[in-house]
Amino acid sequence: MALPLLDYKPTTQNHRVASFGKADLNEDTPYIYRMEDAATADDMEQLIWAAYRQVFSEHQILKFNRQAALESQLKNRAITMRDFIRGLAKSERFYSQVVEVNDNYRLVEICLKRLLGRAPYNDDERIAWSIKVATLGFYGFIDALIDSEEYTLAFGDYTVPYQRKRMEARPFNLVTPRYGEDFQEKAGTVKTDWRFVVEKFYTRKFQERNLAEGDPRKYRELAAAIAPKGNYAQSIRSSEIDYLSKVPYRGRR
């Protein structure tokens, strides 16, 4: 028996507001792609690419990731846009590029952004949906999202999901799936990683930068670059000097 979705309290986010009036009419307003607006073959191609951009993100739109069978069914209107989005999310390419490289919490965040067009409300929602992933599996989790009431009210059967009310930060479809904070910690690519802190502390450049003004060690490299040649006094004994050869003599010897 599948566990029910845990209750979580939605926070106040801008996408929950129906409209901001004229504030929506700016460069951040997404263009909404609908199947009923696709009257020609070119319109249908734009609709398909909009779905790829939303589900696979901008930097993963590759010919290798295309799903020809799903595209053919959508062009013949044998399936709805909701079914096309479901098929892309359940495809083998999406599984290998997004699911396999993330944990459940990160996976929930990415899928909410790309399928529901919003970020998770809080950690409680991440935990609630991650339990769905653990109990239903990934495919069951996708069905739960796409068949949810929120998806139906926001997009229905014929609208491509889009980011709702983007007001700050990067668009959701530009977020790299495998480069979250957890991945950065494991790979050692964040400034808070202790390996970077220790290496930075023992570097000569870091030590010299923290020296007091006037400390000669700050000018060590400058002095070495000049490389002066000294003309030091030679240590010679008086008994070793030939005085007679150094005194001028005009006569004959």
Protein backbone atom coordinates (compact mmCIF):
# COMPACT_ATOMS: atom_id res chain seq x y z
CA MET A 1 0.00 0.00 0.00
CA ALA A 2 1.45 3.35 -1.05
CA LEU A 3 1.90 5.97 1.62
CA PRO A 4 -0.17 9.15 1.21
CA LEU A 5 1.60 12.40 0.48
CA LEU A 6 2.62 14.07 3.72
CA ASP A 7 1.07 17.41 4.55
CA TYR A 8 3.26 20.47 4.11
CA LYS A 9 2.50 24.14 4.45
CA PRO A 10 2.99 26.20 1.26
CA THR A 11 5.00 29.34 1.73
CA THR A 12 4.12 32.63 0.12
CA GLN A 13 5.71 32.59 -3.32
CA ASN A 14 5.00 34.82 -6.27
CA HIS A 15 3.81 32.00 -8.53
CA ARG A 16 0.83 31.43 -6.22
CA VAL A 17 -0.51 34.87 -7.15
CA ALA A 18 -2.85 34.77 -10.14
CA SER A 19 -1.50 37.92 -11.75
CA PHE A 20 0.56 41.00 -11.00
CA GLY A 21 -1.16 43.05 -13.66
CA LYS A 22 1.22 45.18 -15.69
CA ALA A 23 4.16 43.79 -13.73
CA ASP A 24 3.75 40.57 -15.73
CA LEU A 25 4.32 42.35 -19.02
CA ASN A 26 8.12 42.42 -19.03
CA GLU A 27 11.03 40.43 -20.42
CA ASP A 28 10.60 37.76 -17.73
CA THR A 29 7.09 36.87 -18.84
CA PRO A 30 7.21 33.38 -20.41
CA TYR A 31 5.61 32.68 -23.76
CA ILE A 32 2.91 30.07 -23.28
CA TYR A 33 2.84 27.28 -25.86
CA ARG A 34 -0.54 25.57 -26.38
CA MET A 35 -1.50 22.78 -28.74
CA GLU A 36 -4.66 24.58 -29.81
CA ASP A 37 -2.48 27.44 -31.11
CA ALA A 38 -0.37 25.12 -33.30
CA ALA A 39 -2.08 25.40 -36.67
CA THR A 40 0.88 24.56 -38.92
CA ALA A 41 3.76 22.08 -38.93
CA ASP A 42 6.19 24.85 -37.93
CA ASP A 43 4.02 25.74 -34.98
CA MET A 44 4.05 22.11 -33.88
CA GLU A 45 7.86 22.01 -34.15
CA GLN A 46 8.12 25.07 -31.93
CA LEU A 47 5.75 23.42 -29.48
CA ILE A 48 7.91 20.29 -29.38
CA TRP A 49 11.13 22.21 -28.87
CA ALA A 50 9.51 24.23 -26.08
CA ALA A 51 8.71 20.94 -24.34
CA TYR A 52 12.31 19.75 -24.76
CA ARG A 53 13.64 23.02 -23.35
CA GLN A 54 11.42 22.73 -20.32
CA VAL A 55 12.05 19.07 -19.52
CA PHE A 56 15.65 18.57 -20.65
CA SER A 57 16.84 22.18 -20.11
CA GLU A 58 18.58 24.42 -22.64
CA HIS A 59 22.02 22.77 -22.51
CA GLN A 60 20.66 19.23 -22.97
CA ILE A 61 18.71 19.79 -26.18
CA LEU A 62 20.60 17.30 -28.31
CA LYS A 63 19.53 15.17 -31.25
CA PHE A 64 20.57 12.15 -29.22
CA ASN A 65 17.90 12.98 -26.62
CA ARG A 66 14.99 13.29 -29.06
CA GLN A 67 12.10 10.87 -28.74
CA ALA A 68 10.97 10.29 -32.34
CA ALA A 69 8.04 8.03 -31.45
CA LEU A 70 6.56 10.52 -29.01
CA GLU A 71 7.04 13.39 -31.45
CA SER A 72 5.21 11.47 -34.18
CA GLN A 73 2.28 10.71 -31.90
CA LEU A 74 2.06 14.33 -30.80
CA LYS A 75 2.17 15.64 -34.38
CA ASN A 76 -0.69 13.30 -35.28
CA ARG A 77 -2.47 14.47 -32.10
CA ALA A 78 -2.70 10.88 -30.92
CA ILE A 79 -1.50 12.01 -27.48
CA THR A 80 -1.88 15.19 -25.49
CA MET A 81 0.88 17.52 -24.39
CA ARG A 82 0.53 16.13 -20.88
CA ASP A 83 1.29 12.64 -22.21
CA PHE A 84 4.23 13.99 -24.23
CA ILE A 85 5.72 15.63 -21.13
CA ARG A 86 5.15 12.40 -19.22
CA GLY A 87 6.96 10.42 -21.91
CA LEU A 88 9.94 12.78 -21.93
CA ALA A 89 10.25 12.62 -18.15
CA LYS A 90 10.09 8.82 -18.24
CA SER A 91 12.54 8.47 -21.12
CA GLU A 92 15.82 6.65 -20.77
CA ARG A 93 17.80 9.81 -21.56
CA PHE A 94 16.13 11.79 -18.78
CA TYR A 95 16.75 8.93 -16.37
CA SER A 96 20.47 8.76 -17.19
CA GLN A 97 21.04 12.52 -17.20
CA VAL A 98 18.92 13.58 -14.24
CA VAL A 99 17.76 10.67 -12.09
CA GLU A 100 20.96 8.61 -11.84
CA VAL A 101 23.17 11.56 -10.89
CA ASN A 102 21.06 12.97 -8.06
CA ASP A 103 19.65 11.93 -4.74
CA ASN A 104 15.91 11.98 -4.07
CA TYR A 105 15.83 15.49 -2.59
CA ARG A 106 17.65 17.03 -5.53
CA LEU A 107 15.53 14.98 -7.94
CA VAL A 108 12.34 16.29 -6.36
CA GLU A 109 13.57 19.86 -6.69
CA ILE A 110 14.44 19.48 -10.38
CA CYS A 111 11.19 17.73 -11.28
CA LEU A 112 9.06 20.29 -9.47
CA LYS A 113 10.83 23.08 -11.34
CA ARG A 114 10.55 21.45 -14.76
CA LEU A 115 7.16 19.76 -14.51
CA LEU A 116 5.21 22.06 -12.19
CA GLY A 117 7.05 25.26 -13.07
CA ARG A 118 7.94 26.20 -9.51
CA ALA A 119 10.56 25.55 -6.86
CA PRO A 120 9.79 23.48 -3.76
CA TYR A 121 8.12 25.43 -1.00
CA ASN A 122 10.40 24.16 1.74
CA ASP A 123 12.21 21.10 3.05
CA ASP A 124 8.92 19.57 4.20
CA GLU A 125 7.73 19.36 0.61
CA ARG A 126 11.05 17.87 -0.51
CA ILE A 127 10.73 15.18 2.15
CA ALA A 128 7.09 14.49 1.29
CA TRP A 129 7.78 13.97 -2.41
CA SER A 130 11.00 12.05 -1.75
CA ILE A 131 8.93 9.54 0.19
CA LYS A 132 6.80 9.19 -2.92
CA VAL A 133 9.93 8.46 -4.92
CA ALA A 134 10.97 5.81 -2.40
CA THR A 135 7.56 4.11 -2.25
CA LEU A 136 6.27 4.46 -5.82
CA GLY A 137 9.56 4.54 -7.67
CA PHE A 138 10.59 7.27 -10.09
CA TYR A 139 7.92 6.51 -12.70
CA GLY A 140 5.20 6.52 -10.07
CA PHE A 141 6.53 9.84 -8.80
CA ILE A 142 6.29 11.32 -12.32
CA ASP A 143 2.69 10.11 -12.64
CA ALA A 144 1.84 11.62 -9.27
CA LEU A 145 3.21 15.01 -10.34
CA ILE A 146 1.66 15.14 -13.81
CA ASP A 147 -1.71 13.78 -12.66
CA SER A 148 -1.81 16.14 -9.68
CA GLU A 149 -4.45 18.81 -9.28
CA GLU A 150 -1.82 21.53 -9.39
CA TYR A 151 -0.57 20.42 -12.80
CA THR A 152 -4.12 20.19 -14.13
CA LEU A 153 -5.04 23.68 -12.94
CA ALA A 154 -1.80 25.25 -14.16
CA PHE A 155 -1.29 23.57 -17.54
CA GLY A 156 -4.08 21.12 -18.28
CA ASP A 157 -3.72 18.64 -21.14
CA TYR A 158 -2.56 20.93 -23.94
CA THR A 159 -0.11 23.49 -22.48
CA VAL A 160 3.65 23.10 -22.24
CA PRO A 161 4.77 23.60 -18.62
CA TYR A 162 6.60 26.87 -18.04
CA GLN A 163 8.23 28.65 -15.14
CA ARG A 164 5.54 30.57 -13.34
CA LYS A 165 6.29 34.09 -12.11
CA ARG A 166 10.06 34.16 -12.48
CA MET A 167 11.22 37.26 -10.65
CA GLU A 168 14.82 36.49 -9.69
CA ALA A 169 17.74 34.12 -10.21
CA ARG A 170 18.25 31.93 -13.26
CA PRO A 171 15.46 30.25 -15.21
CA PHE A 172 14.74 26.74 -14.00
CA ASN A 173 15.57 25.19 -17.37
CA LEU A 174 19.12 26.57 -17.14
CA VAL A 175 19.95 24.86 -13.84
CA THR A 176 22.51 22.09 -14.34
CA PRO A 177 20.98 18.85 -13.03
CA ARG A 178 24.18 17.23 -11.74
CA TYR A 179 25.84 20.30 -10.24
CA GLY A 180 23.90 20.83 -7.05
CA GLU A 181 25.37 21.58 -3.65
CA ASP A 182 25.62 17.91 -2.73
CA PHE A 183 27.56 17.12 -5.89
CA GLN A 184 29.88 20.07 -5.31
CA GLU A 185 30.63 18.88 -1.79
CA LYS A 186 31.50 15.39 -3.03
CA ALA A 187 33.62 16.66 -5.90
CA GLY A 188 35.36 19.25 -3.75
CA THR A 189 34.40 22.25 -5.86
CA VAL A 190 33.05 24.61 -3.21
CA LYS A 191 34.93 27.19 -1.21
CA THR A 192 33.70 25.73 2.10
CA ASP A 193 35.42 22.41 1.42
CA TRP A 194 38.13 21.90 4.05
CA ARG A 195 40.60 20.74 1.40
CA PHE A 196 40.46 24.12 -0.27
CA VAL A 197 40.69 25.92 3.07
CA VAL A 198 43.82 24.04 4.14
CA GLU A 199 45.47 24.37 0.75
CA LYS A 200 44.69 28.07 0.66
CA PHE A 201 46.05 28.62 4.18
CA TYR A 202 49.42 27.07 3.41
CA THR A 203 49.97 28.73 0.08
CA ARG A 204 52.74 31.32 -0.02
CA LYS A 205 50.55 33.84 -1.79
CA PHE A 206 47.90 33.66 0.93
CA GLN A 207 50.48 33.99 3.71
CA GLU A 208 52.14 37.00 2.12
CA ARG A 209 48.80 38.69 1.59
CA ASN A 210 48.17 38.62 5.34
CA LEU A 211 51.54 40.09 6.31
CA ALA A 212 51.68 43.50 7.94
CA GLU A 213 52.62 46.54 5.90
CA GLY A 214 56.37 47.06 5.79
CA ASP A 215 57.22 43.43 6.40
CA PRO A 216 60.28 42.57 4.24
CA ARG A 217 58.76 39.21 3.32
CA LYS A 218 56.14 40.99 1.20
CA TYR A 219 58.90 42.21 -1.12
CA ARG A 220 60.82 38.96 -1.33
CA GLU A 221 59.77 38.23 -4.89
CA LEU A 222 60.50 41.81 -5.96
CA ALA A 223 64.00 41.66 -4.52
CA ALA A 224 64.66 38.30 -6.17
CA ALA A 225 63.53 39.67 -9.53
CA ILE A 226 66.10 42.49 -9.40
CA ALA A 227 68.99 40.03 -8.83
CA PRO A 228 71.73 42.61 -8.10
CA LYS A 229 75.39 41.72 -8.63
CA GLY A 230 77.38 42.77 -5.60
CA ASN A 231 80.98 44.17 -5.76
CA TYR A 232 82.30 42.97 -2.45
CA ALA A 233 85.89 43.56 -1.08
CA GLN A 234 88.26 40.68 -1.68
CA SER A 235 90.06 39.03 1.21
CA ILE A 236 93.82 39.22 0.27
CA ARG A 237 96.82 38.97 2.59
CA SER A 238 99.56 41.58 2.40
CA SER A 239 102.20 38.88 2.03
CA GLU A 240 100.52 37.78 -1.18
CA ILE A 241 100.85 41.18 -2.88
CA ASP A 242 103.83 41.75 -5.20
CA TYR A 243 104.59 45.38 -4.45
CA LEU A 244 107.62 45.61 -6.75
CA SER A 245 105.58 44.67 -9.85
CA LYS A 246 103.02 47.30 -9.06
CA VAL A 247 105.50 50.23 -8.55
CA PRO A 248 106.32 52.03 -11.81
CA TYR A 249 110.01 51.75 -12.76
CA ARG A 250 111.53 53.82 -15.55
CA GLY A 251 115.04 52.63 -15.47
CA ARG A 252 116.57 49.40 -16.46
CA ARG A 253 116.61 46.33 -14.28
